[in-house]
């Protein structure tokens, strides 16, 4: 299911209440996720190392927190 779909509010075991997002909030959430994916792709192209692993994790975490701000 698309994360900007209003149906994301149904049948979720962890978060019992969702609110329907405005179109602007949906656009912001999509933009943040798209930019996060773009950065992850760039990081992936650099090879493999502990530092890059941390960079991937922190990028995912940053996107998560930014989206959480929008959806709260």
PDB file of N, CA and C in Angstrom:
ATOM      1  N   UNK A   1       0.840  -1.172   0.000  1.00  0.00           N
ATOM      2  CA  UNK A   1       0.000   0.000   0.000  1.00  0.00           C
ATOM      3  C   UNK A   1       0.891   1.243   0.000  1.00  0.00           C
ATOM      4  N   UNK A   2       0.549   2.185  -0.807  1.00  0.00           N
ATOM      5  CA  UNK A   2       1.282   3.440  -0.882  1.00  0.00           C
ATOM      6  C   UNK A   2       1.159   4.185   0.444  1.00  0.00           C
ATOM      7  N   UNK A   3       2.255   4.722   0.942  1.00  0.00           N
ATOM      8  CA  UNK A   3       2.239   5.379   2.249  1.00  0.00           C
ATOM      9  C   UNK A   3       1.437   6.670   2.259  1.00  0.00           C
ATOM     10  N   UNK A   4       1.128   7.214   1.095  1.00  0.00           N
ATOM     11  CA  UNK A   4       0.306   8.417   1.055  1.00  0.00           C
ATOM     12  C   UNK A   4      -1.168   8.103   0.804  1.00  0.00           C
ATOM     13  N   UNK A   5      -1.506   6.822   0.699  1.00  0.00           N
ATOM     14  CA  UNK A   5      -2.883   6.393   0.468  1.00  0.00           C
ATOM     15  C   UNK A   5      -3.700   6.551   1.756  1.00  0.00           C
ATOM     16  N   UNK A   6      -4.896   7.106   1.637  1.00  0.00           N
ATOM     17  CA  UNK A   6      -5.749   7.274   2.821  1.00  0.00           C
ATOM     18  C   UNK A   6      -6.124   5.939   3.456  1.00  0.00           C
ATOM     19  N   UNK A   7      -6.074   4.846   2.692  1.00  0.00           N
ATOM     20  CA  UNK A   7      -6.413   3.526   3.232  1.00  0.00           C
ATOM     21  C   UNK A   7      -5.365   3.001   4.204  1.00  0.00           C
ATOM     22  N   UNK A   8      -4.223   3.706   4.345  1.00  0.00           N
ATOM     23  CA  UNK A   8      -3.211   3.290   5.304  1.00  0.00           C
ATOM     24  C   UNK A   8      -3.752   3.365   6.726  1.00  0.00           C
ATOM     25  N   UNK A   9      -4.883   4.038   6.894  1.00  0.00           N
ATOM     26  CA  UNK A   9      -5.462   4.213   8.226  1.00  0.00           C
ATOM     27  C   UNK A   9      -6.235   2.984   8.697  1.00  0.00           C
ATOM     28  N   UNK A  10      -6.414   1.993   7.845  1.00  0.00           N
ATOM     29  CA  UNK A  10      -7.200   0.823   8.226  1.00  0.00           C
ATOM     30  C   UNK A  10      -6.311  -0.371   8.539  1.00  0.00           C
ATOM     31  N   UNK A  11      -6.746  -1.187   9.468  1.00  0.00           N
ATOM     32  CA  UNK A  11      -6.129  -2.481   9.766  1.00  0.00           C
ATOM     33  C   UNK A  11      -4.637  -2.390  10.090  1.00  0.00           C
ATOM     34  N   UNK A  12      -4.276  -1.531  11.025  1.00  0.00           N
ATOM     35  CA  UNK A  12      -2.888  -1.414  11.454  1.00  0.00           C
ATOM     36  C   UNK A  12      -2.808  -1.800  12.924  1.00  0.00           C
ATOM     37  N   UNK A  13      -1.974  -2.783  13.246  1.00  0.00           N
ATOM     38  CA  UNK A  13      -1.917  -3.294  14.612  1.00  0.00           C
ATOM     39  C   UNK A  13      -1.114  -2.421  15.564  1.00  0.00           C
ATOM     40  N   UNK A  14      -0.141  -1.685  15.068  1.00  0.00           N
ATOM     41  CA  UNK A  14       0.721  -0.917  15.966  1.00  0.00           C
ATOM     42  C   UNK A  14       0.147   0.458  16.301  1.00  0.00           C
ATOM     43  N   UNK A  15      -0.285   1.179  15.316  1.00  0.00           N
ATOM     44  CA  UNK A  15      -0.859   2.497  15.548  1.00  0.00           C
ATOM     45  C   UNK A  15      -2.357   2.354  15.396  1.00  0.00           C
ATOM     46  N   UNK A  16      -3.066   2.529  16.465  1.00  0.00           N
ATOM     47  CA  UNK A  16      -4.495   2.264  16.461  1.00  0.00           C
ATOM     48  C   UNK A  16      -5.316   3.404  15.872  1.00  0.00           C
ATOM     49  N   UNK A  17      -4.733   4.583  15.812  1.00  0.00           N
ATOM     50  CA  UNK A  17      -5.465   5.703  15.237  1.00  0.00           C
ATOM     51  C   UNK A  17      -4.557   6.466  14.275  1.00  0.00           C
ATOM     52  N   UNK A  18      -5.043   6.663  13.091  1.00  0.00           N
ATOM     53  CA  UNK A  18      -4.364   7.480  12.101  1.00  0.00           C
ATOM     54  C   UNK A  18      -5.272   8.645  11.778  1.00  0.00           C
ATOM     55  N   UNK A  19      -4.680   9.706  11.330  1.00  0.00           N
ATOM     56  CA  UNK A  19      -5.491  10.787  10.796  1.00  0.00           C
ATOM     57  C   UNK A  19      -5.221  10.841   9.295  1.00  0.00           C
ATOM     58  N   UNK A  20      -6.186  11.291   8.555  1.00  0.00           N
ATOM     59  CA  UNK A  20      -6.022  11.433   7.119  1.00  0.00           C
ATOM     60  C   UNK A  20      -5.159  12.666   6.872  1.00  0.00           C
ATOM     61  N   UNK A  21      -4.130  12.494   6.058  1.00  0.00           N
ATOM     62  CA  UNK A  21      -3.200  13.584   5.789  1.00  0.00           C
ATOM     63  C   UNK A  21      -3.752  14.518   4.713  1.00  0.00           C
ATOM     64  N   UNK A  22      -3.380  15.791   4.822  1.00  0.00           N
ATOM     65  CA  UNK A  22      -3.745  16.748   3.779  1.00  0.00           C
ATOM     66  C   UNK A  22      -2.902  16.456   2.538  1.00  0.00           C
ATOM     67  N   UNK A  23      -3.288  17.027   1.421  1.00  0.00           N
ATOM     68  CA  UNK A  23      -2.514  16.846   0.195  1.00  0.00           C
ATOM     69  C   UNK A  23      -1.104  17.401   0.356  1.00  0.00           C
ATOM     70  N   UNK A  24      -0.958  18.524   1.056  1.00  0.00           N
ATOM     71  CA  UNK A  24       0.374  19.114   1.284  1.00  0.00           C
ATOM     72  C   UNK A  24       1.228  18.198   2.146  1.00  0.00           C
ATOM     73  N   UNK A  25       0.630  17.577   3.170  1.00  0.00           N
ATOM     74  CA  UNK A  25       1.375  16.646   4.027  1.00  0.00           C
ATOM     75  C   UNK A  25       1.798  15.412   3.236  1.00  0.00           C
ATOM     76  N   UNK A  26       0.910  14.918   2.393  1.00  0.00           N
ATOM     77  CA  UNK A  26       1.249  13.765   1.552  1.00  0.00           C
ATOM     78  C   UNK A  26       2.408  14.097   0.624  1.00  0.00           C
ATOM     79  N   UNK A  27       2.372  15.285   0.038  1.00  0.00           N
ATOM     80  CA  UNK A  27       3.437  15.698  -0.874  1.00  0.00           C
ATOM     81  C   UNK A  27       4.761  15.838  -0.125  1.00  0.00           C
ATOM     82  N   UNK A  28       4.724  16.396   1.086  1.00  0.00           N
ATOM     83  CA  UNK A  28       5.941  16.540   1.893  1.00  0.00           C
ATOM     84  C   UNK A  28       6.521  15.188   2.253  1.00  0.00           C
ATOM     85  N   UNK A  29       5.659  14.267   2.671  1.00  0.00           N
ATOM     86  CA  UNK A  29       6.119  12.937   3.053  1.00  0.00           C
ATOM     87  C   UNK A  29       6.749  12.225   1.856  1.00  0.00           C
ATOM     88  N   UNK A  30       6.118  12.328   0.702  1.00  0.00           N
ATOM     89  CA  UNK A  30       6.665  11.703  -0.501  1.00  0.00           C
ATOM     90  C   UNK A  30       8.005  12.327  -0.865  1.00  0.00           C
ATOM     91  N   UNK A  31       8.114  13.645  -0.781  1.00  0.00           N
ATOM     92  CA  UNK A  31       9.364  14.331  -1.121  1.00  0.00           C
ATOM     93  C   UNK A  31      10.493  13.901  -0.185  1.00  0.00           C
ATOM     94  N   UNK A  32      10.206  13.805   1.098  1.00  0.00           N
ATOM     95  CA  UNK A  32      11.225  13.375   2.069  1.00  0.00           C
ATOM     96  C   UNK A  32      11.677  11.948   1.763  1.00  0.00           C
ATOM     97  N   UNK A  33      10.731  11.066   1.504  1.00  0.00           N
ATOM     98  CA  UNK A  33      11.078   9.683   1.191  1.00  0.00           C
ATOM     99  C   UNK A  33      11.857   9.580  -0.114  1.00  0.00           C
ATOM    100  N   UNK A  34      11.469  10.364  -1.105  1.00  0.00           N
ATOM    101  CA  UNK A  34      12.184  10.353  -2.388  1.00  0.00           C
ATOM    102  C   UNK A  34      13.621  10.831  -2.216  1.00  0.00           C
ATOM    103  N   UNK A  35      13.817  11.916  -1.463  1.00  0.00           N
ATOM    104  CA  UNK A  35      15.167  12.439  -1.237  1.00  0.00           C
ATOM    105  C   UNK A  35      15.997  11.449  -0.423  1.00  0.00           C
ATOM    106  N   UNK A  36      15.369  10.789   0.557  1.00  0.00           N
ATOM    107  CA  UNK A  36      16.070   9.767   1.328  1.00  0.00           C
ATOM    108  C   UNK A  36      16.521   8.620   0.444  1.00  0.00           C
ATOM    109  N   UNK A  37      15.642   8.188  -0.455  1.00  0.00           N
ATOM    110  CA  UNK A  37      15.991   7.104  -1.384  1.00  0.00           C
ATOM    111  C   UNK A  37      17.113   7.539  -2.319  1.00  0.00           C
ATOM    112  N   UNK A  38      17.080   8.794  -2.738  1.00  0.00           N
ATOM    113  CA  UNK A  38      18.135   9.323  -3.604  1.00  0.00           C
ATOM    114  C   UNK A  38      19.485   9.299  -2.886  1.00  0.00           C
ATOM    115  N   UNK A  39      19.496   9.717  -1.630  1.00  0.00           N
ATOM    116  CA  UNK A  39      20.733   9.691  -0.851  1.00  0.00           C
ATOM    117  C   UNK A  39      21.207   8.257  -0.622  1.00  0.00           C
ATOM    118  N   UNK A  40      20.289   7.341  -0.315  1.00  0.00           N
ATOM    119  CA  UNK A  40      20.678   5.936  -0.128  1.00  0.00           C
ATOM    120  C   UNK A  40      21.303   5.370  -1.394  1.00  0.00           C
ATOM    121  N   UNK A  41      20.750   5.711  -2.556  1.00  0.00           N
ATOM    122  CA  UNK A  41      21.328   5.249  -3.823  1.00  0.00           C
ATOM    123  C   UNK A  41      22.748   5.773  -4.001  1.00  0.00           C
ATOM    124  N   UNK A  42      22.958   7.037  -3.653  1.00  0.00           N
ATOM    125  CA  UNK A  42      24.288   7.632  -3.766  1.00  0.00           C
ATOM    126  C   UNK A  42      25.268   6.942  -2.813  1.00  0.00           C
ATOM    127  N   UNK A  43      24.827   6.685  -1.589  1.00  0.00           N
ATOM    128  CA  UNK A  43      25.672   6.003  -0.604  1.00  0.00           C
ATOM    129  C   UNK A  43      26.011   4.591  -1.077  1.00  0.00           C
ATOM    130  N   UNK A  44      25.012   3.874  -1.601  1.00  0.00           N
ATOM    131  CA  UNK A  44      25.224   2.501  -2.079  1.00  0.00           C
ATOM    132  C   UNK A  44      26.308   2.437  -3.147  1.00  0.00           C
ATOM    133  N   UNK A  45      26.416   3.481  -3.972  1.00  0.00           N
ATOM    134  CA  UNK A  45      27.388   3.501  -5.048  1.00  0.00           C
ATOM    135  C   UNK A  45      28.817   3.744  -4.592  1.00  0.00           C
ATOM    136  N   UNK A  46      29.015   3.968  -3.300  1.00  0.00           N
ATOM    137  CA  UNK A  46      30.344   4.280  -2.780  1.00  0.00           C
ATOM    138  C   UNK A  46      31.122   3.048  -2.327  1.00  0.00           C
ATOM    139  N   UNK A  47      30.472   1.901  -2.314  1.00  0.00           N
ATOM    140  CA  UNK A  47      31.155   0.689  -1.876  1.00  0.00           C
ATOM    141  C   UNK A  47      30.579   0.189  -0.562  1.00  0.00           C
ATOM    142  N   UNK A  48      31.446  -0.458   0.222  1.00  0.00           N
ATOM    143  CA  UNK A  48      31.001  -1.044   1.492  1.00  0.00           C
ATOM    144  C   UNK A  48      32.027  -0.749   2.575  1.00  0.00           C
ATOM    145  N   UNK A  49      31.527  -0.281   3.699  1.00  0.00           N
ATOM    146  CA  UNK A  49      32.379  -0.054   4.866  1.00  0.00           C
ATOM    147  C   UNK A  49      31.474   0.150   6.074  1.00  0.00           C
ATOM    148  N   UNK A  50      32.067   0.108   7.233  1.00  0.00           N
ATOM    149  CA  UNK A  50      31.311   0.363   8.458  1.00  0.00           C
ATOM    150  C   UNK A  50      30.715   1.764   8.422  1.00  0.00           C
ATOM    151  N   UNK A  51      31.507   2.731   7.939  1.00  0.00           N
ATOM    152  CA  UNK A  51      31.046   4.112   7.889  1.00  0.00           C
ATOM    153  C   UNK A  51      29.835   4.264   6.967  1.00  0.00           C
ATOM    154  N   UNK A  52      29.873   3.582   5.823  1.00  0.00           N
ATOM    155  CA  UNK A  52      28.749   3.655   4.896  1.00  0.00           C
ATOM    156  C   UNK A  52      27.518   2.949   5.456  1.00  0.00           C
ATOM    157  N   UNK A  53      27.737   1.879   6.194  1.00  0.00           N
ATOM    158  CA  UNK A  53      26.631   1.193   6.854  1.00  0.00           C
ATOM    159  C   UNK A  53      25.948   2.126   7.854  1.00  0.00           C
ATOM    160  N   UNK A  54      26.747   2.857   8.608  1.00  0.00           N
ATOM    161  CA  UNK A  54      26.199   3.825   9.566  1.00  0.00           C
ATOM    162  C   UNK A  54      25.472   4.939   8.819  1.00  0.00           C
ATOM    163  N   UNK A  55      26.042   5.406   7.718  1.00  0.00           N
ATOM    164  CA  UNK A  55      25.410   6.460   6.922  1.00  0.00           C
ATOM    165  C   UNK A  55      24.044   6.012   6.405  1.00  0.00           C
ATOM    166  N   UNK A  56      23.948   4.756   5.944  1.00  0.00           N
ATOM    167  CA  UNK A  56      22.662   4.230   5.478  1.00  0.00           C
ATOM    168  C   UNK A  56      21.655   4.200   6.623  1.00  0.00           C
ATOM    169  N   UNK A  57      22.082   3.689   7.772  1.00  0.00           N
ATOM    170  CA  UNK A  57      21.188   3.603   8.926  1.00  0.00           C
ATOM    171  C   UNK A  57      20.712   4.980   9.356  1.00  0.00           C
ATOM    172  N   UNK A  58      21.614   5.944   9.407  1.00  0.00           N
ATOM    173  CA  UNK A  58      21.247   7.293   9.844  1.00  0.00           C
ATOM    174  C   UNK A  58      20.336   7.980   8.832  1.00  0.00           C
ATOM    175  N   UNK A  59      20.527   7.699   7.549  1.00  0.00           N
ATOM    176  CA  UNK A  59      19.643   8.253   6.527  1.00  0.00           C
ATOM    177  C   UNK A  59      18.232   7.700   6.705  1.00  0.00           C
ATOM    178  N   UNK A  60      18.139   6.385   6.890  1.00  0.00           N
ATOM    179  CA  UNK A  60      16.835   5.760   7.126  1.00  0.00           C
ATOM    180  C   UNK A  60      16.180   6.332   8.378  1.00  0.00           C
ATOM    181  N   UNK A  61      16.974   6.540   9.412  1.00  0.00           N
ATOM    182  CA  UNK A  61      16.454   7.088  10.669  1.00  0.00           C
ATOM    183  C   UNK A  61      15.959   8.527  10.468  1.00  0.00           C
ATOM    184  N   UNK A  62      16.708   9.330   9.738  1.00  0.00           N
ATOM    185  CA  UNK A  62      16.307  10.715   9.489  1.00  0.00           C
ATOM    186  C   UNK A  62      14.977  10.774   8.739  1.00  0.00           C
ATOM    187  N   UNK A  63      14.829   9.926   7.736  1.00  0.00           N
ATOM    188  CA  UNK A  63      13.572   9.882   6.987  1.00  0.00           C
ATOM    189  C   UNK A  63      12.437   9.454   7.913  1.00  0.00           C
ATOM    190  N   UNK A  64      12.675   8.434   8.730  1.00  0.00           N
ATOM    191  CA  UNK A  64      11.644   7.951   9.648  1.00  0.00           C
ATOM    192  C   UNK A  64      11.157   9.069  10.561  1.00  0.00           C
ATOM    193  N   UNK A  65      12.094   9.810  11.175  1.00  0.00           N
ATOM    194  CA  UNK A  65      11.708  10.865  12.117  1.00  0.00           C
ATOM    195  C   UNK A  65      11.003  12.009  11.412  1.00  0.00           C
ATOM    196  N   UNK A  66      11.443  12.360  10.215  1.00  0.00           N
ATOM    197  CA  UNK A  66      10.795  13.440   9.473  1.00  0.00           C
ATOM    198  C   UNK A  66       9.361  13.050   9.093  1.00  0.00           C
ATOM    199  N   UNK A  67       9.174  11.809   8.667  1.00  0.00           N
ATOM    200  CA  UNK A  67       7.833  11.333   8.329  1.00  0.00           C
ATOM    201  C   UNK A  67       6.975  11.249   9.585  1.00  0.00           C
ATOM    202  N   UNK A  68       7.549  10.817  10.678  1.00  0.00           N
ATOM    203  CA  UNK A  68       6.805  10.739  11.936  1.00  0.00           C
ATOM    204  C   UNK A  68       6.298  12.119  12.338  1.00  0.00           C
ATOM    205  N   UNK A  69       7.136  13.148  12.132  1.00  0.00           N
ATOM    206  CA  UNK A  69       6.696  14.518  12.426  1.00  0.00           C
ATOM    207  C   UNK A  69       5.455  14.876  11.620  1.00  0.00           C
ATOM    208  N   UNK A  70       5.461  14.506  10.344  1.00  0.00           N
ATOM    209  CA  UNK A  70       4.325  14.854   9.475  1.00  0.00           C
ATOM    210  C   UNK A  70       3.073  14.088   9.871  1.00  0.00           C
ATOM    211  N   UNK A  71       3.217  12.837  10.227  1.00  0.00           N
ATOM    212  CA  UNK A  71       2.052  11.970  10.453  1.00  0.00           C
ATOM    213  C   UNK A  71       1.529  11.977  11.877  1.00  0.00           C
ATOM    214  N   UNK A  72       2.190  12.698  12.771  1.00  0.00           N
ATOM    215  CA  UNK A  72       1.737  12.672  14.174  1.00  0.00           C
ATOM    216  C   UNK A  72       0.407  13.317  14.378  1.00  0.00           C
TER     217      UNK A  72
END
